[in-house]
Amino acid sequence: MPEEAYYGANILGVLNLVAKLFNRKNRYKAPIYQPITYRQMDSLFNNSTIFNYRLLKNEMKIPLGKTKLFFHFCRVTDISSERLIENKQMELLELLIANSKTFLKILEEFEKKKFKKD
C-alpha cells in the first residue's frame, strides 16, 4: 500500500456513520401497552361520561356490590390499556360487555354451588 492511503479521512467510514445516524432517526417504536389495571378501571368508571356506574348497573347488569369484583375480573382478562385511548373506547365497551356476560355466568354458577352446599 502506498503511504498516501493512510493519510486523510476515511470517506467510506464517515459516510457509513452518517447513514447510521439517519437510519436511527427514522425508526418508529410503537408504545408497549400493559394490561389494564384495577385503578385504571376504577378511575375510568368514576371520571368518564360514557363509562359510569349506571352503565354497569343498567346495561351490563352488574350488581352494585360486585362492581369491584368485576374490575378485578377485567384485570385478569388482560384487556390492553391501549383501549383507554379516546378512539378505541368502542372496542373497550364491546370487550366490557362480553366480559360482563361471562362474569354474570360465573356468578350464577357460584351462587348455584353455594345454594347446593347450604
C-alpha atoms as a PDB file:
ATOM      1  CA  MET A   1       0.000   0.000   0.000  1.00  0.00           C
ATOM      2  CA  PRO A   2       1.264   3.458  -0.774  1.00  0.00           C
ATOM      3  CA  GLU A   3       1.821   5.816   2.133  1.00  0.00           C
ATOM      4  CA  GLU A   4      -0.822   8.252   0.840  1.00  0.00           C
ATOM      5  CA  ALA A   5      -3.558   5.668   1.537  1.00  0.00           C
ATOM      6  CA  TYR A   6      -3.024   6.038   5.288  1.00  0.00           C
ATOM      7  CA  TYR A   7      -3.354   9.825   5.364  1.00  0.00           C
ATOM      8  CA  GLY A   8      -6.602  11.797   5.339  1.00  0.00           C
ATOM      9  CA  ALA A   9     -10.151  10.886   6.296  1.00  0.00           C
ATOM     10  CA  ASN A  10     -11.708   7.548   5.556  1.00  0.00           C
ATOM     11  CA  ILE A  11     -14.530   8.774   3.303  1.00  0.00           C
ATOM     12  CA  LEU A  12     -16.405   5.467   3.265  1.00  0.00           C
ATOM     13  CA  GLY A  13     -16.234   5.196   7.058  1.00  0.00           C
ATOM     14  CA  VAL A  14     -17.571   8.723   7.524  1.00  0.00           C
ATOM     15  CA  LEU A  15     -20.419   8.119   5.048  1.00  0.00           C
ATOM     16  CA  ASN A  16     -21.302   4.886   6.830  1.00  0.00           C
ATOM     17  CA  LEU A  17     -21.524   6.681  10.197  1.00  0.00           C
ATOM     18  CA  VAL A  18     -23.716   9.440   8.727  1.00  0.00           C
ATOM     19  CA  ALA A  19     -26.026   6.838   7.173  1.00  0.00           C
ATOM     20  CA  LYS A  20     -26.396   5.102  10.548  1.00  0.00           C
ATOM     21  CA  LEU A  21     -27.394   8.391  12.172  1.00  0.00           C
ATOM     22  CA  PHE A  22     -30.202   8.924   9.674  1.00  0.00           C
ATOM     23  CA  ASN A  23     -31.416   5.339   9.931  1.00  0.00           C
ATOM     24  CA  ARG A  24     -31.792   5.594  13.703  1.00  0.00           C
ATOM     25  CA  LYS A  25     -33.987   8.682  13.460  1.00  0.00           C
ATOM     26  CA  ASN A  26     -36.408   7.035  11.057  1.00  0.00           C
ATOM     27  CA  ARG A  27     -37.160   4.042  13.250  1.00  0.00           C
ATOM     28  CA  TYR A  28     -40.543   4.279  14.934  1.00  0.00           C
ATOM     29  CA  LYS A  29     -41.068   2.275  18.069  1.00  0.00           C
ATOM     30  CA  ALA A  30     -44.692   1.622  18.848  1.00  0.00           C
ATOM     31  CA  PRO A  31     -45.592   2.084  22.515  1.00  0.00           C
ATOM     32  CA  ILE A  32     -45.923  -1.070  24.560  1.00  0.00           C
ATOM     33  CA  TYR A  33     -49.294  -1.218  26.271  1.00  0.00           C
ATOM     34  CA  GLN A  34     -49.711  -3.042  29.541  1.00  0.00           C
ATOM     35  CA  PRO A  35     -52.889  -4.850  30.594  1.00  0.00           C
ATOM     36  CA  ILE A  36     -55.462  -2.575  32.174  1.00  0.00           C
ATOM     37  CA  THR A  37     -55.180  -2.303  35.957  1.00  0.00           C
ATOM     38  CA  TYR A  38     -57.796  -2.168  38.685  1.00  0.00           C
ATOM     39  CA  ARG A  39     -57.017   1.502  39.335  1.00  0.00           C
ATOM     40  CA  GLN A  40     -57.453   2.368  35.661  1.00  0.00           C
ATOM     41  CA  MET A  41     -60.835   0.607  35.593  1.00  0.00           C
ATOM     42  CA  ASP A  42     -61.972   2.329  38.779  1.00  0.00           C
ATOM     43  CA  SER A  43     -60.791   5.711  37.516  1.00  0.00           C
ATOM     44  CA  LEU A  44     -62.481   5.136  34.165  1.00  0.00           C
ATOM     45  CA  PHE A  45     -65.874   4.458  35.746  1.00  0.00           C
ATOM     46  CA  ASN A  46     -65.523   7.352  38.196  1.00  0.00           C
ATOM     47  CA  ASN A  47     -64.469  10.006  35.660  1.00  0.00           C
ATOM     48  CA  SER A  48     -65.896   9.074  32.260  1.00  0.00           C
ATOM     49  CA  THR A  49     -69.220  10.209  30.840  1.00  0.00           C
ATOM     50  CA  ILE A  50     -69.633   7.029  28.786  1.00  0.00           C
ATOM     51  CA  PHE A  51     -68.329   4.503  31.287  1.00  0.00           C
ATOM     52  CA  ASN A  52     -70.144   5.014  34.565  1.00  0.00           C
ATOM     53  CA  TYR A  53     -71.870   3.025  37.279  1.00  0.00           C
ATOM     54  CA  ARG A  54     -75.227   3.463  35.563  1.00  0.00           C
ATOM     55  CA  LEU A  55     -73.810   1.574  32.562  1.00  0.00           C
ATOM     56  CA  LEU A  56     -72.591  -1.170  34.878  1.00  0.00           C
ATOM     57  CA  LYS A  57     -75.944  -1.480  36.615  1.00  0.00           C
ATOM     58  CA  ASN A  58     -78.438  -0.993  33.775  1.00  0.00           C
ATOM     59  CA  GLU A  59     -76.702  -2.250  30.639  1.00  0.00           C
ATOM     60  CA  MET A  60     -74.205  -4.782  31.931  1.00  0.00           C
ATOM     61  CA  LYS A  61     -76.453  -5.915  34.813  1.00  0.00           C
ATOM     62  CA  ILE A  62     -73.552  -5.971  37.281  1.00  0.00           C
ATOM     63  CA  PRO A  63     -74.880  -5.792  40.868  1.00  0.00           C
ATOM     64  CA  LEU A  64     -73.591  -2.692  42.674  1.00  0.00           C
ATOM     65  CA  GLY A  65     -71.953  -4.799  45.375  1.00  0.00           C
ATOM     66  CA  LYS A  66     -69.999  -6.736  42.750  1.00  0.00           C
ATOM     67  CA  THR A  67     -68.524  -3.841  40.731  1.00  0.00           C
ATOM     68  CA  LYS A  68     -65.112  -4.028  42.401  1.00  0.00           C
ATOM     69  CA  LEU A  69     -65.026  -7.766  41.793  1.00  0.00           C
ATOM     70  CA  PHE A  70     -65.916  -7.119  38.144  1.00  0.00           C
ATOM     71  CA  PHE A  71     -62.995  -4.676  37.863  1.00  0.00           C
ATOM     72  CA  HIS A  72     -60.655  -7.367  39.188  1.00  0.00           C
ATOM     73  CA  PHE A  73     -62.169  -9.845  36.730  1.00  0.00           C
ATOM     74  CA  CYS A  74     -61.465  -7.461  33.845  1.00  0.00           C
ATOM     75  CA  ARG A  75     -57.905  -7.006  35.057  1.00  0.00           C
ATOM     76  CA  VAL A  76     -57.345 -10.758  34.912  1.00  0.00           C
ATOM     77  CA  THR A  77     -58.701 -10.993  31.352  1.00  0.00           C
ATOM     78  CA  ASP A  78     -55.751  -8.873  30.139  1.00  0.00           C
ATOM     79  CA  ILE A  79     -57.610  -6.092  28.369  1.00  0.00           C
ATOM     80  CA  SER A  80     -54.953  -3.847  26.888  1.00  0.00           C
ATOM     81  CA  SER A  81     -54.653  -0.341  28.322  1.00  0.00           C
ATOM     82  CA  GLU A  82     -54.459   0.776  24.693  1.00  0.00           C
ATOM     83  CA  ARG A  83     -58.264   0.581  24.708  1.00  0.00           C
ATOM     84  CA  LEU A  84     -58.364   3.573  27.057  1.00  0.00           C
ATOM     85  CA  ILE A  85     -57.358   5.846  24.176  1.00  0.00           C
ATOM     86  CA  GLU A  86     -60.212   8.076  23.000  1.00  0.00           C
ATOM     87  CA  ASN A  87     -60.667   6.471  19.563  1.00  0.00           C
ATOM     88  CA  LYS A  88     -60.625   2.895  20.942  1.00  0.00           C
ATOM     89  CA  GLN A  89     -63.367   3.294  23.537  1.00  0.00           C
ATOM     90  CA  MET A  90     -65.995   1.495  21.463  1.00  0.00           C
ATOM     91  CA  GLU A  91     -63.727  -1.550  21.340  1.00  0.00           C
ATOM     92  CA  LEU A  92     -63.340  -1.295  25.100  1.00  0.00           C
ATOM     93  CA  LEU A  93     -67.112  -1.102  25.508  1.00  0.00           C
ATOM     94  CA  GLU A  94     -67.572  -4.260  23.421  1.00  0.00           C
ATOM     95  CA  LEU A  95     -64.956  -6.094  25.483  1.00  0.00           C
ATOM     96  CA  LEU A  96     -66.523  -4.960  28.750  1.00  0.00           C
ATOM     97  CA  ILE A  97     -69.974  -6.109  27.651  1.00  0.00           C
ATOM     98  CA  ALA A  98     -68.576  -9.504  26.652  1.00  0.00           C
ATOM     99  CA  ASN A  99     -66.721  -9.725  29.973  1.00  0.00           C
ATOM    100  CA  SER A 100     -69.863  -8.772  31.878  1.00  0.00           C
ATOM    101  CA  LYS A 101     -71.768 -11.677  30.327  1.00  0.00           C
ATOM    102  CA  THR A 102     -69.008 -14.091  31.284  1.00  0.00           C
ATOM    103  CA  PHE A 103     -68.767 -12.565  34.755  1.00  0.00           C
ATOM    104  CA  LEU A 104     -72.519 -12.929  35.326  1.00  0.00           C
ATOM    105  CA  LYS A 105     -72.418 -16.586  34.240  1.00  0.00           C
ATOM    106  CA  ILE A 106     -69.590 -17.269  36.676  1.00  0.00           C
ATOM    107  CA  LEU A 107     -71.508 -15.511  39.467  1.00  0.00           C
ATOM    108  CA  GLU A 108     -74.621 -17.534  38.663  1.00  0.00           C
ATOM    109  CA  GLU A 109     -72.694 -20.820  38.760  1.00  0.00           C
ATOM    110  CA  PHE A 110     -71.082 -19.813  42.037  1.00  0.00           C
ATOM    111  CA  GLU A 111     -74.467 -18.967  43.560  1.00  0.00           C
ATOM    112  CA  LYS A 112     -75.871 -22.350  42.430  1.00  0.00           C
ATOM    113  CA  LYS A 113     -72.961 -24.208  44.030  1.00  0.00           C
ATOM    114  CA  LYS A 114     -73.273 -22.112  47.171  1.00  0.00           C
ATOM    115  CA  PHE A 115     -77.016 -22.815  47.326  1.00  0.00           C
ATOM    116  CA  LYS A 116     -76.468 -26.570  46.900  1.00  0.00           C
ATOM    117  CA  LYS A 117     -73.915 -26.599  49.730  1.00  0.00           C
ATOM    118  CA  ASP A 118     -76.291 -24.903  52.142  1.00  0.00           C
END
